[in-house]
Amino acid sequence: MQADLPGHSAKYGSYSMMDLQTNRVVDLLLVQSNEVGGSHNMEKEGLKRSLAKIAQYGVTLGSIVTDRHPQIQRYPREQQITQFFDVWHIEKGITKKLEQASKTRDCQKLQKWIRAIKNHIYWTAASSSTGPERVAKWKSLINHVQDVHSHDNPLYPQCVHPIRQTTDRQKWISAASPALHKLEKIMTNTRQILKDVQKMSSHHQTLVVIGGIPV
């Protein structure tokens, strides 16, 4: 959904539904905050109306890809609709935390890893077929940044990249260092982030919708 103003001051929200296999917009509607009890309810209401309209035409959904808005998560679950999360939203949140952490003196090594971690997030989503496999690959990053490429999880027991000798030995992050502790906290230290990782979309993302339809 795109709003006319940021935050809770928005009066209007444009909600679009796209078939991500054909990149065709199948529904586009406008939601007013004063008709749904406030701007925080606009996104859920837009989803409900779009799904109802699509159902009128006899369309059966295989799955939907959305952001991680709490209300958006709840409604598909109640309707028994398979939901995946847009990887870009997850990556953006992780990158912001890493950039903030890398500015502290004890965690400056994280700066060297931000680009690789962003790539790892997208690779994890694209190369996995199940939620547990995504989590196994996601968590393998903690070993990888320590120059450890074998893992305890049988779903991803070893890094698939060739083992190369690096000229920059300083890039590896030491075990028990503040930088590694911070990285673990950002990537794995909450149950919610690992639940969200399980539901990352492997193929389709919402960015094409966000970027292609002006409010």
N, C-alpha and C. Protein backbone atom coordinates (compact mmCIF):
# COMPACT_ATOMS: atom_id res chain seq x y z
N MET A 1 0.83 -1.19 0.00
CA MET A 1 0.00 0.00 0.00
C MET A 1 0.87 1.24 0.00
N GLN A 2 0.46 2.27 -0.72
CA GLN A 2 1.13 3.56 -0.74
C GLN A 2 0.19 4.61 -0.18
N ALA A 3 0.71 5.46 0.71
CA ALA A 3 -0.11 6.48 1.36
C ALA A 3 0.28 7.86 0.86
N ASP A 4 -0.66 8.82 1.04
CA ASP A 4 -0.39 10.19 0.58
C ASP A 4 0.56 10.92 1.51
N LEU A 5 0.61 10.50 2.79
CA LEU A 5 1.50 11.10 3.77
C LEU A 5 2.11 9.99 4.61
N PRO A 6 3.32 10.20 5.16
CA PRO A 6 3.94 9.15 5.98
C PRO A 6 3.29 9.02 7.34
N GLY A 7 3.45 7.84 7.95
CA GLY A 7 3.02 7.62 9.33
C GLY A 7 1.52 7.61 9.49
N HIS A 8 1.08 8.02 10.71
CA HIS A 8 -0.35 7.94 11.04
C HIS A 8 -1.13 9.16 10.59
N SER A 9 -0.49 10.07 9.85
CA SER A 9 -1.19 11.26 9.37
C SER A 9 -1.81 11.05 8.00
N ALA A 10 -1.62 9.88 7.42
CA ALA A 10 -2.14 9.62 6.08
C ALA A 10 -3.66 9.64 6.05
N LYS A 11 -4.21 10.23 4.99
CA LYS A 11 -5.66 10.27 4.82
C LYS A 11 -6.13 9.27 3.77
N TYR A 12 -5.26 8.98 2.81
CA TYR A 12 -5.62 8.08 1.72
C TYR A 12 -4.52 7.04 1.52
N GLY A 13 -4.94 5.85 1.14
CA GLY A 13 -4.00 4.80 0.82
C GLY A 13 -4.38 4.12 -0.47
N SER A 14 -3.43 3.98 -1.37
CA SER A 14 -3.66 3.29 -2.64
C SER A 14 -3.17 1.85 -2.48
N TYR A 15 -4.10 0.89 -2.60
CA TYR A 15 -3.75 -0.51 -2.42
C TYR A 15 -3.86 -1.22 -3.76
N SER A 16 -2.78 -1.89 -4.13
CA SER A 16 -2.75 -2.58 -5.42
C SER A 16 -2.45 -4.06 -5.24
N MET A 17 -3.01 -4.86 -6.11
CA MET A 17 -2.78 -6.30 -6.12
C MET A 17 -2.25 -6.66 -7.52
N MET A 18 -1.11 -7.35 -7.53
CA MET A 18 -0.48 -7.68 -8.81
C MET A 18 -0.27 -9.18 -8.92
N ASP A 19 -0.50 -9.71 -10.10
CA ASP A 19 -0.12 -11.09 -10.42
C ASP A 19 1.38 -11.08 -10.70
N LEU A 20 2.16 -11.63 -9.80
CA LEU A 20 3.61 -11.52 -9.90
C LEU A 20 4.22 -12.50 -10.91
N GLN A 21 3.42 -13.34 -11.51
CA GLN A 21 3.91 -14.17 -12.60
C GLN A 21 3.83 -13.45 -13.94
N THR A 22 2.84 -12.58 -14.07
CA THR A 22 2.67 -11.84 -15.33
C THR A 22 3.02 -10.36 -15.18
N ASN A 23 3.23 -9.89 -13.91
CA ASN A 23 3.49 -8.47 -13.62
C ASN A 23 2.34 -7.58 -14.06
N ARG A 24 1.13 -8.11 -13.97
CA ARG A 24 -0.05 -7.32 -14.32
C ARG A 24 -0.83 -6.97 -13.06
N VAL A 25 -1.20 -5.70 -12.95
CA VAL A 25 -2.02 -5.26 -11.82
C VAL A 25 -3.44 -5.78 -12.03
N VAL A 26 -3.94 -6.51 -11.05
CA VAL A 26 -5.28 -7.11 -11.18
C VAL A 26 -6.31 -6.36 -10.35
N ASP A 27 -5.85 -5.49 -9.44
CA ASP A 27 -6.80 -4.67 -8.69
C ASP A 27 -6.07 -3.45 -8.16
N LEU A 28 -6.78 -2.32 -8.14
CA LEU A 28 -6.24 -1.07 -7.62
C LEU A 28 -7.39 -0.30 -6.99
N LEU A 29 -7.25 0.04 -5.72
CA LEU A 29 -8.33 0.72 -5.02
C LEU A 29 -7.78 1.77 -4.07
N LEU A 30 -8.66 2.67 -3.66
CA LEU A 30 -8.31 3.75 -2.74
C LEU A 30 -9.06 3.56 -1.43
N VAL A 31 -8.33 3.63 -0.33
CA VAL A 31 -8.92 3.50 1.00
C VAL A 31 -8.74 4.81 1.75
N GLN A 32 -9.82 5.31 2.38
CA GLN A 32 -9.75 6.53 3.17
C GLN A 32 -9.64 6.17 4.66
N SER A 33 -8.79 6.86 5.37
CA SER A 33 -8.58 6.54 6.79
C SER A 33 -9.83 6.76 7.62
N ASN A 34 -10.65 7.76 7.26
CA ASN A 34 -11.83 8.06 8.09
C ASN A 34 -12.95 7.04 7.91
N GLU A 35 -12.82 6.14 6.92
CA GLU A 35 -13.86 5.12 6.74
C GLU A 35 -13.47 3.78 7.37
N VAL A 36 -12.23 3.69 7.86
CA VAL A 36 -11.76 2.41 8.42
C VAL A 36 -11.23 2.56 9.85
N GLY A 37 -11.52 3.72 10.47
CA GLY A 37 -11.12 3.90 11.87
C GLY A 37 -9.69 4.33 12.07
N GLY A 38 -9.06 4.93 11.04
CA GLY A 38 -7.70 5.43 11.19
C GLY A 38 -6.76 4.86 10.14
N SER A 39 -5.66 5.58 9.93
CA SER A 39 -4.72 5.19 8.87
C SER A 39 -4.06 3.85 9.14
N HIS A 40 -3.95 3.45 10.42
CA HIS A 40 -3.30 2.18 10.74
C HIS A 40 -4.12 0.98 10.27
N ASN A 41 -5.40 1.21 9.94
CA ASN A 41 -6.25 0.12 9.46
C ASN A 41 -6.36 0.05 7.94
N MET A 42 -5.77 1.01 7.24
CA MET A 42 -5.98 1.09 5.80
C MET A 42 -5.38 -0.09 5.05
N GLU A 43 -4.20 -0.54 5.46
CA GLU A 43 -3.55 -1.61 4.70
C GLU A 43 -4.32 -2.92 4.81
N LYS A 44 -4.78 -3.24 6.02
CA LYS A 44 -5.56 -4.46 6.18
C LYS A 44 -6.86 -4.39 5.38
N GLU A 45 -7.51 -3.23 5.44
CA GLU A 45 -8.77 -3.08 4.72
C GLU A 45 -8.56 -3.18 3.21
N GLY A 46 -7.45 -2.62 2.72
CA GLY A 46 -7.14 -2.73 1.30
C GLY A 46 -6.95 -4.17 0.88
N LEU A 47 -6.24 -4.93 1.71
CA LEU A 47 -6.04 -6.35 1.41
C LEU A 47 -7.37 -7.10 1.40
N LYS A 48 -8.21 -6.86 2.40
CA LYS A 48 -9.50 -7.55 2.49
C LYS A 48 -10.35 -7.26 1.25
N ARG A 49 -10.41 -6.01 0.86
CA ARG A 49 -11.25 -5.64 -0.29
C ARG A 49 -10.71 -6.24 -1.58
N SER A 50 -9.40 -6.22 -1.75
CA SER A 50 -8.80 -6.78 -2.97
C SER A 50 -9.04 -8.28 -3.06
N LEU A 51 -8.84 -8.97 -1.95
CA LEU A 51 -9.06 -10.42 -1.95
C LEU A 51 -10.52 -10.76 -2.22
N ALA A 52 -11.42 -9.97 -1.66
CA ALA A 52 -12.85 -10.20 -1.88
C ALA A 52 -13.21 -9.99 -3.35
N LYS A 53 -12.65 -8.94 -3.94
CA LYS A 53 -12.95 -8.65 -5.35
C LYS A 53 -12.41 -9.74 -6.26
N ILE A 54 -11.20 -10.20 -5.98
CA ILE A 54 -10.62 -11.28 -6.79
C ILE A 54 -11.43 -12.56 -6.66
N ALA A 55 -11.92 -12.83 -5.45
CA ALA A 55 -12.72 -14.04 -5.22
C ALA A 55 -14.03 -14.01 -6.01
N GLN A 56 -14.58 -12.80 -6.21
CA GLN A 56 -15.81 -12.67 -6.99
C GLN A 56 -15.65 -13.18 -8.41
N TYR A 57 -14.44 -13.12 -8.92
CA TYR A 57 -14.17 -13.58 -10.29
C TYR A 57 -13.71 -15.03 -10.33
N GLY A 58 -13.79 -15.70 -9.19
CA GLY A 58 -13.48 -17.12 -9.14
C GLY A 58 -11.99 -17.43 -9.16
N VAL A 59 -11.16 -16.45 -8.82
CA VAL A 59 -9.72 -16.66 -8.83
C VAL A 59 -9.30 -17.38 -7.54
N THR A 60 -8.52 -18.43 -7.68
CA THR A 60 -7.98 -19.15 -6.52
C THR A 60 -6.51 -18.76 -6.34
N LEU A 61 -6.18 -18.24 -5.19
CA LEU A 61 -4.82 -17.79 -4.92
C LEU A 61 -3.93 -18.96 -4.51
N GLY A 62 -2.73 -19.02 -5.10
CA GLY A 62 -1.74 -19.99 -4.64
C GLY A 62 -1.07 -19.50 -3.38
N SER A 63 -0.76 -18.20 -3.36
CA SER A 63 -0.13 -17.57 -2.20
C SER A 63 -0.12 -16.07 -2.45
N ILE A 64 0.21 -15.31 -1.41
CA ILE A 64 0.39 -13.87 -1.55
C ILE A 64 1.74 -13.48 -0.95
N VAL A 65 2.31 -12.40 -1.49
CA VAL A 65 3.56 -11.85 -0.98
C VAL A 65 3.28 -10.44 -0.47
N THR A 66 3.61 -10.19 0.78
CA THR A 66 3.32 -8.90 1.41
C THR A 66 4.52 -8.44 2.23
N ASP A 67 4.38 -7.26 2.84
CA ASP A 67 5.35 -6.86 3.85
C ASP A 67 4.97 -7.53 5.17
N ARG A 68 5.61 -7.11 6.27
CA ARG A 68 5.40 -7.80 7.55
C ARG A 68 4.48 -7.02 8.50
N HIS A 69 3.63 -6.19 7.97
CA HIS A 69 2.66 -5.46 8.77
C HIS A 69 1.88 -6.45 9.64
N PRO A 70 1.81 -6.25 10.97
CA PRO A 70 1.17 -7.23 11.86
C PRO A 70 -0.25 -7.60 11.46
N GLN A 71 -1.06 -6.61 11.08
CA GLN A 71 -2.44 -6.90 10.68
C GLN A 71 -2.48 -7.68 9.37
N ILE A 72 -1.53 -7.39 8.49
CA ILE A 72 -1.46 -8.11 7.22
C ILE A 72 -1.08 -9.57 7.46
N GLN A 73 -0.29 -9.82 8.49
CA GLN A 73 0.08 -11.20 8.81
C GLN A 73 -1.12 -11.98 9.36
N ARG A 74 -1.90 -11.33 10.18
CA ARG A 74 -2.99 -12.02 10.86
C ARG A 74 -4.12 -12.40 9.91
N TYR A 75 -4.48 -11.49 9.03
CA TYR A 75 -5.66 -11.74 8.19
C TYR A 75 -5.48 -12.93 7.25
N PRO A 76 -4.39 -13.06 6.50
CA PRO A 76 -4.23 -14.26 5.65
C PRO A 76 -4.25 -15.56 6.46
N ARG A 77 -3.66 -15.51 7.65
CA ARG A 77 -3.68 -16.71 8.48
C ARG A 77 -5.10 -17.10 8.85
N GLU A 78 -5.91 -16.10 9.18
CA GLU A 78 -7.32 -16.37 9.52
C GLU A 78 -8.09 -16.91 8.33
N GLN A 79 -7.70 -16.47 7.12
CA GLN A 79 -8.39 -16.91 5.90
C GLN A 79 -7.74 -18.15 5.28
N GLN A 80 -6.74 -18.70 5.96
CA GLN A 80 -6.02 -19.90 5.49
C GLN A 80 -5.40 -19.67 4.10
N ILE A 81 -4.80 -18.49 3.94
CA ILE A 81 -4.10 -18.14 2.71
C ILE A 81 -2.60 -18.22 2.99
N THR A 82 -1.87 -18.92 2.13
CA THR A 82 -0.42 -19.01 2.30
C THR A 82 0.22 -17.66 2.02
N GLN A 83 1.00 -17.20 2.98
CA GLN A 83 1.61 -15.87 2.88
C GLN A 83 3.13 -15.97 2.92
N PHE A 84 3.79 -15.23 2.04
CA PHE A 84 5.24 -15.08 2.08
C PHE A 84 5.57 -13.60 2.28
N PHE A 85 6.79 -13.35 2.77
CA PHE A 85 7.21 -11.98 3.02
C PHE A 85 8.19 -11.49 1.96
N ASP A 86 8.05 -10.23 1.63
CA ASP A 86 8.96 -9.58 0.70
C ASP A 86 10.36 -9.50 1.31
N VAL A 87 11.36 -9.98 0.59
CA VAL A 87 12.73 -10.03 1.11
C VAL A 87 13.31 -8.63 1.28
N TRP A 88 12.95 -7.73 0.39
CA TRP A 88 13.50 -6.38 0.43
C TRP A 88 13.21 -5.69 1.77
N HIS A 89 12.01 -5.86 2.29
CA HIS A 89 11.67 -5.24 3.58
C HIS A 89 12.52 -5.82 4.70
N ILE A 90 12.75 -7.12 4.68
CA ILE A 90 13.58 -7.76 5.71
C ILE A 90 15.02 -7.28 5.59
N GLU A 91 15.54 -7.30 4.36
CA GLU A 91 16.94 -6.87 4.13
C GLU A 91 17.13 -5.41 4.55
N LYS A 92 16.17 -4.57 4.24
CA LYS A 92 16.29 -3.15 4.58
C LYS A 92 16.39 -2.95 6.09
N GLY A 93 15.58 -3.69 6.85
CA GLY A 93 15.63 -3.58 8.31
C GLY A 93 16.94 -4.07 8.88
N ILE A 94 17.44 -5.20 8.36
CA ILE A 94 18.70 -5.76 8.83
C ILE A 94 19.85 -4.82 8.49
N THR A 95 19.87 -4.30 7.26
CA THR A 95 20.95 -3.41 6.83
C THR A 95 21.00 -2.15 7.69
N LYS A 96 19.86 -1.60 8.02
CA LYS A 96 19.83 -0.40 8.86
C LYS A 96 20.45 -0.67 10.23
N LYS A 97 20.14 -1.82 10.81
CA LYS A 97 20.71 -2.17 12.11
C LYS A 97 22.22 -2.40 12.01
N LEU A 98 22.66 -3.04 10.93
CA LEU A 98 24.09 -3.29 10.75
C LEU A 98 24.86 -1.98 10.56
N GLU A 99 24.29 -1.06 9.79
CA GLU A 99 24.96 0.21 9.57
C GLU A 99 25.09 1.00 10.87
N GLN A 100 24.05 0.96 11.70
CA GLN A 100 24.11 1.64 12.99
C GLN A 100 25.16 0.99 13.89
N ALA A 101 25.18 -0.34 13.93
CA ALA A 101 26.12 -1.06 14.79
C ALA A 101 27.56 -0.83 14.35
N SER A 102 27.79 -0.76 13.04
CA SER A 102 29.16 -0.64 12.52
C SER A 102 29.79 0.71 12.83
N LYS A 103 29.01 1.66 13.30
CA LYS A 103 29.54 2.97 13.65
C LYS A 103 30.17 3.00 15.04
N THR A 104 29.90 1.96 15.83
CA THR A 104 30.51 1.89 17.16
C THR A 104 31.92 1.31 17.04
N ARG A 105 32.80 1.72 17.96
CA ARG A 105 34.22 1.39 17.83
C ARG A 105 34.48 -0.11 17.82
N ASP A 106 33.77 -0.87 18.65
CA ASP A 106 34.04 -2.30 18.77
C ASP A 106 33.42 -3.12 17.64
N CYS A 107 32.60 -2.49 16.82
CA CYS A 107 31.89 -3.24 15.78
C CYS A 107 32.18 -2.73 14.37
N GLN A 108 33.27 -2.01 14.19
CA GLN A 108 33.56 -1.44 12.89
C GLN A 108 33.81 -2.49 11.81
N LYS A 109 34.22 -3.70 12.22
CA LYS A 109 34.43 -4.76 11.23
C LYS A 109 33.15 -5.12 10.48
N LEU A 110 32.03 -4.87 11.09
CA LEU A 110 30.76 -5.20 10.43
C LEU A 110 30.60 -4.43 9.12
N GLN A 111 31.22 -3.25 9.03
CA GLN A 111 31.09 -2.45 7.82
C GLN A 111 31.56 -3.21 6.59
N LYS A 112 32.62 -3.99 6.75
CA LYS A 112 33.16 -4.75 5.62
C LYS A 112 32.21 -5.85 5.16
N TRP A 113 31.29 -6.24 6.03
CA TRP A 113 30.43 -7.38 5.73
C TRP A 113 29.02 -7.01 5.28
N ILE A 114 28.67 -5.74 5.33
CA ILE A 114 27.28 -5.36 5.06
C ILE A 114 26.83 -5.79 3.66
N ARG A 115 27.65 -5.51 2.66
CA ARG A 115 27.26 -5.88 1.29
C ARG A 115 27.10 -7.39 1.15
N ALA A 116 28.05 -8.15 1.72
CA ALA A 116 27.98 -9.62 1.64
C ALA A 116 26.75 -10.15 2.38
N ILE A 117 26.42 -9.54 3.51
CA ILE A 117 25.26 -9.98 4.27
C ILE A 117 23.97 -9.71 3.50
N LYS A 118 23.89 -8.56 2.85
CA LYS A 118 22.73 -8.27 2.02
C LYS A 118 22.58 -9.32 0.92
N ASN A 119 23.68 -9.66 0.27
CA ASN A 119 23.63 -10.70 -0.77
C ASN A 119 23.21 -12.05 -0.19
N HIS A 120 23.69 -12.34 1.01
CA HIS A 120 23.37 -13.61 1.66
C HIS A 120 21.87 -13.71 1.95
N ILE A 121 21.26 -12.60 2.33
CA ILE A 121 19.83 -12.60 2.62
C ILE A 121 19.03 -12.97 1.37
N TYR A 122 19.36 -12.33 0.25
CA TYR A 122 18.63 -12.63 -1.00
C TYR A 122 18.94 -14.04 -1.49
N TRP A 123 20.17 -14.47 -1.35
CA TRP A 123 20.53 -15.83 -1.77
C TRP A 123 19.80 -16.86 -0.92
N THR A 124 19.71 -16.62 0.37
CA THR A 124 19.00 -17.54 1.27
C THR A 124 17.57 -17.74 0.81
N ALA A 125 16.91 -16.64 0.46
CA ALA A 125 15.52 -16.74 0.01
C ALA A 125 15.41 -17.45 -1.33
N ALA A 126 16.27 -17.08 -2.27
CA ALA A 126 16.15 -17.60 -3.63
C ALA A 126 16.56 -19.06 -3.77
N SER A 127 17.46 -19.53 -2.92
CA SER A 127 18.02 -20.88 -3.09
C SER A 127 17.35 -21.93 -2.21
N SER A 128 16.34 -21.54 -1.44
CA SER A 128 15.73 -22.47 -0.48
C SER A 128 14.32 -22.83 -0.90
N SER A 129 13.91 -24.03 -0.55
CA SER A 129 12.57 -24.49 -0.90
C SER A 129 11.66 -24.67 0.31
N THR A 130 12.23 -24.62 1.53
CA THR A 130 11.42 -24.77 2.74
C THR A 130 11.85 -23.74 3.78
N GLY A 131 10.97 -23.48 4.73
CA GLY A 131 11.28 -22.56 5.81
C GLY A 131 12.49 -22.98 6.64
N PRO A 132 12.55 -24.24 7.11
CA PRO A 132 13.72 -24.67 7.89
C PRO A 132 15.03 -24.56 7.12
N GLU A 133 15.00 -24.79 5.80
CA GLU A 133 16.22 -24.63 5.00
C GLU A 133 16.65 -23.16 4.97
N ARG A 134 15.70 -22.24 4.87
CA ARG A 134 16.04 -20.82 4.89
C ARG A 134 16.71 -20.45 6.21
N VAL A 135 16.17 -20.94 7.31
CA VAL A 135 16.74 -20.63 8.62
C VAL A 135 18.15 -21.20 8.75
N ALA A 136 18.36 -22.42 8.27
CA ALA A 136 19.68 -23.05 8.34
C ALA A 136 20.71 -22.23 7.57
N LYS A 137 20.36 -21.77 6.39
CA LYS A 137 21.29 -20.97 5.59
C LYS A 137 21.49 -19.58 6.21
N TRP A 138 20.42 -19.00 6.70
CA TRP A 138 20.49 -17.69 7.36
C TRP A 138 21.47 -17.72 8.53
N LYS A 139 21.35 -18.73 9.39
CA LYS A 139 22.18 -18.82 10.59
C LYS A 139 23.62 -19.22 10.27
N SER A 140 23.86 -19.82 9.10
CA SER A 140 25.22 -20.22 8.73
C SER A 140 26.14 -19.01 8.58
N LEU A 141 25.55 -17.84 8.38
CA LEU A 141 26.34 -16.63 8.23
C LEU A 141 27.22 -16.37 9.45
N ILE A 142 26.71 -16.72 10.63
CA ILE A 142 27.47 -16.47 11.86
C ILE A 142 28.78 -17.25 11.85
N ASN A 143 28.74 -18.47 11.32
CA ASN A 143 29.98 -19.23 11.17
C ASN A 143 30.85 -18.66 10.06
N HIS A 144 30.22 -18.32 8.96
CA HIS A 144 30.98 -17.90 7.78
C HIS A 144 31.86 -16.69 8.08
N VAL A 145 31.34 -15.71 8.81
CA VAL A 145 32.13 -14.50 9.06
C VAL A 145 33.31 -14.78 9.99
N GLN A 146 33.32 -15.97 10.62
CA GLN A 146 34.46 -16.38 11.45
C GLN A 146 35.44 -17.27 10.68
N ASP A 147 35.20 -17.41 9.39
CA ASP A 147 36.00 -18.31 8.54
C ASP A 147 35.77 -19.77 8.92
N VAL A 148 34.54 -20.08 9.32
CA VAL A 148 34.12 -21.45 9.61
C VAL A 148 33.04 -21.79 8.59
N HIS A 149 33.24 -22.84 7.81
CA HIS A 149 32.36 -23.11 6.69
C HIS A 149 31.66 -24.46 6.77
N SER A 150 31.76 -25.13 7.91
CA SER A 150 30.99 -26.34 8.18
C SER A 150 30.02 -26.02 9.30
N HIS A 151 28.82 -26.58 9.21
CA HIS A 151 27.76 -26.19 10.13
C HIS A 151 27.09 -27.43 10.73
N ASP A 152 26.46 -27.24 11.88
CA ASP A 152 25.85 -28.34 12.60
C ASP A 152 24.50 -28.77 12.03
N ASN A 153 23.87 -27.89 11.28
CA ASN A 153 22.52 -28.18 10.78
C ASN A 153 22.59 -29.07 9.54
N PRO A 154 21.96 -30.25 9.56
CA PRO A 154 22.02 -31.16 8.39
C PRO A 154 21.33 -30.59 7.16
N LEU A 155 20.47 -29.60 7.33
CA LEU A 155 19.81 -28.99 6.17
C LEU A 155 20.76 -28.11 5.37
N TYR A 156 21.83 -27.68 6.02
CA TYR A 156 22.87 -26.90 5.33
C TYR A 156 24.19 -27.15 6.06
N PRO A 157 24.80 -28.30 5.81
CA PRO A 157 25.97 -28.71 6.59
C PRO A 157 27.27 -28.03 6.22
N GLN A 158 27.31 -27.39 5.04
CA GLN A 158 28.57 -26.79 4.60
C GLN A 158 28.29 -25.68 3.59
N CYS A 159 29.09 -24.62 3.65
CA CYS A 159 28.97 -23.55 2.66
C CYS A 159 29.21 -24.12 1.27
N VAL A 160 28.47 -23.63 0.29
CA VAL A 160 28.58 -24.17 -1.07
C VAL A 160 29.63 -23.44 -1.90
N HIS A 161 30.16 -22.34 -1.41
CA HIS A 161 31.16 -21.59 -2.17
C HIS A 161 32.51 -22.30 -2.08
N PRO A 162 33.37 -22.10 -3.07
CA PRO A 162 34.73 -22.66 -2.99
C PRO A 162 35.48 -22.04 -1.82
N ILE A 163 36.30 -22.82 -1.16
CA ILE A 163 37.12 -22.30 -0.07
C ILE A 163 38.36 -21.65 -0.68
N ARG A 164 38.48 -20.35 -0.48
CA ARG A 164 39.60 -19.61 -1.05
C ARG A 164 40.47 -19.02 0.05
N GLN A 165 41.73 -18.88 -0.24
CA GLN A 165 42.64 -18.18 0.64
C GLN A 165 42.48 -16.68 0.40
N THR A 166 42.19 -15.93 1.44
CA THR A 166 42.00 -14.50 1.29
C THR A 166 43.25 -13.74 1.66
N THR A 167 43.45 -12.62 1.00
CA THR A 167 44.60 -11.77 1.34
C THR A 167 44.28 -10.83 2.50
N ASP A 168 43.00 -10.73 2.82
CA ASP A 168 42.58 -9.85 3.91
C ASP A 168 42.14 -10.69 5.11
N ARG A 169 43.10 -11.17 5.89
CA ARG A 169 42.78 -11.98 7.05
C ARG A 169 42.08 -11.18 8.14
N GLN A 170 42.19 -9.86 8.04
CA GLN A 170 41.60 -9.01 9.08
C GLN A 170 40.08 -8.91 8.96
N LYS A 171 39.54 -9.38 7.84
CA LYS A 171 38.10 -9.23 7.67
C LYS A 171 37.31 -10.20 8.53
N TRP A 172 37.93 -11.34 8.91
CA TRP A 172 37.20 -12.34 9.70
C TRP A 172 36.91 -11.79 11.09
N ILE A 173 35.75 -12.14 11.60
CA ILE A 173 35.32 -11.64 12.91
C ILE A 173 35.60 -12.71 13.95
N SER A 174 36.26 -12.33 15.01
CA SER A 174 36.69 -13.28 16.04
C SER A 174 35.51 -13.74 16.89
N ALA A 175 35.58 -15.00 17.31
CA ALA A 175 34.58 -15.54 18.23
C ALA A 175 34.62 -14.75 19.53
N ALA A 176 33.46 -14.55 20.11
CA ALA A 176 33.30 -13.86 21.40
C ALA A 176 33.63 -12.37 21.33
N SER A 177 33.83 -11.85 20.13
CA SER A 177 34.10 -10.41 19.99
C SER A 177 32.78 -9.63 20.06
N PRO A 178 32.84 -8.35 20.43
CA PRO A 178 31.62 -7.54 20.43
C PRO A 178 30.93 -7.49 19.07
N ALA A 179 31.74 -7.49 17.99
CA ALA A 179 31.14 -7.43 16.65
C ALA A 179 30.33 -8.68 16.35
N LEU A 180 30.87 -9.85 16.73
CA LEU A 180 30.13 -11.09 16.48
C LEU A 180 28.89 -11.16 17.35
N HIS A 181 29.00 -10.74 18.59
CA HIS A 181 27.84 -10.74 19.49
C HIS A 181 26.73 -9.85 18.91
N LYS A 182 27.12 -8.69 18.40
CA LYS A 182 26.12 -7.79 17.84
C LYS A 182 25.49 -8.38 16.58
N LEU A 183 26.31 -9.01 15.74
CA LEU A 183 25.77 -9.63 14.53
C LEU A 183 24.79 -10.75 14.88
N GLU A 184 25.14 -11.57 15.85
CA GLU A 184 24.24 -12.64 16.29
C GLU A 184 22.93 -12.07 16.80
N LYS A 185 23.03 -10.99 17.55
CA LYS A 185 21.83 -10.37 18.11
C LYS A 185 20.92 -9.86 17.00
N ILE A 186 21.51 -9.23 15.99
CA ILE A 186 20.72 -8.68 14.88
C ILE A 186 20.10 -9.79 14.04
N MET A 187 20.87 -10.84 13.75
CA MET A 187 20.44 -11.86 12.79
C MET A 187 19.61 -12.98 13.40
N THR A 188 19.86 -13.31 14.68
CA THR A 188 19.25 -14.54 15.21
C THR A 188 18.67 -14.44 16.61
N ASN A 189 18.81 -13.30 17.26
CA ASN A 189 18.53 -13.28 18.70
C ASN A 189 17.07 -13.03 19.05
N THR A 190 16.20 -12.98 18.07
CA THR A 190 14.78 -12.88 18.36
C THR A 190 14.03 -13.98 17.64
N ARG A 191 13.05 -14.53 18.30
CA ARG A 191 12.25 -15.59 17.69
C ARG A 191 11.51 -15.08 16.46
N GLN A 192 11.12 -13.79 16.49
CA GLN A 192 10.32 -13.25 15.40
C GLN A 192 11.11 -13.19 14.10
N ILE A 193 12.37 -12.78 14.15
CA ILE A 193 13.12 -12.66 12.90
C ILE A 193 13.29 -14.03 12.24
N LEU A 194 13.50 -15.08 13.03
CA LEU A 194 13.66 -16.41 12.45
C LEU A 194 12.32 -16.93 11.90
N LYS A 195 11.22 -16.56 12.53
CA LYS A 195 9.91 -16.92 11.99
C LYS A 195 9.68 -16.22 10.65
N ASP A 196 10.12 -14.96 10.57
CA ASP A 196 9.95 -14.21 9.33
C ASP A 196 10.84 -14.77 8.23
N VAL A 197 12.05 -15.19 8.59
CA VAL A 197 12.97 -15.78 7.61
C VAL A 197 12.35 -17.02 6.97
N GLN A 198 11.66 -17.81 7.77
CA GLN A 198 11.03 -19.02 7.24
C GLN A 198 10.04 -18.70 6.12
N LYS A 199 9.46 -17.49 6.17
CA LYS A 199 8.41 -17.13 5.22
C LYS A 199 8.89 -16.18 4.12
N MET A 200 10.20 -16.02 3.98
CA MET A 200 10.70 -15.15 2.90
C MET A 200 10.32 -15.73 1.54
N SER A 201 9.89 -14.87 0.65
CA SER A 201 9.50 -15.31 -0.69
C SER A 201 10.72 -15.69 -1.51
N SER A 202 10.66 -16.86 -2.13
CA SER A 202 11.80 -17.35 -2.91
C SER A 202 11.92 -16.67 -4.28
N HIS A 203 10.81 -16.27 -4.86
CA HIS A 203 10.84 -15.80 -6.25
C HIS A 203 10.26 -14.41 -6.44
N HIS A 204 9.12 -14.13 -5.83
CA HIS A 204 8.40 -12.90 -6.13
C HIS A 204 8.53 -11.90 -4.99
N GLN A 205 8.61 -10.60 -5.33
CA GLN A 205 8.75 -9.54 -4.35
C GLN A 205 7.73 -8.44 -4.65
N THR A 206 7.50 -7.58 -3.64
CA THR A 206 6.52 -6.51 -3.81
C THR A 206 7.14 -5.23 -4.35
N LEU A 207 8.47 -5.18 -4.46
CA LEU A 207 9.13 -3.94 -4.87
C LEU A 207 8.65 -3.46 -6.24
N VAL A 208 8.35 -4.40 -7.12
CA VAL A 208 7.87 -4.02 -8.45
C VAL A 208 6.54 -3.30 -8.36
N VAL A 209 5.73 -3.64 -7.34
CA VAL A 209 4.45 -2.96 -7.14
C VAL A 209 4.68 -1.58 -6.55
N ILE A 210 5.54 -1.51 -5.53
CA ILE A 210 5.81 -0.24 -4.86
C ILE A 210 6.41 0.78 -5.82
N GLY A 211 7.32 0.31 -6.67
CA GLY A 211 8.02 1.23 -7.56
C GLY A 211 7.24 1.61 -8.79
N GLY A 212 6.21 0.83 -9.13
CA GLY A 212 5.59 1.04 -10.43
C GLY A 212 4.27 1.77 -10.42
N ILE A 213 3.69 2.04 -9.25
CA ILE A 213 2.37 2.64 -9.21
C ILE A 213 2.40 3.89 -8.34
N PRO A 214 2.33 5.08 -8.91
CA PRO A 214 2.34 6.31 -8.12
C PRO A 214 1.02 6.53 -7.41
N VAL A 215 1.08 7.20 -6.26
CA VAL A 215 -0.14 7.53 -5.53
C VAL A 215 -0.76 8.78 -6.13
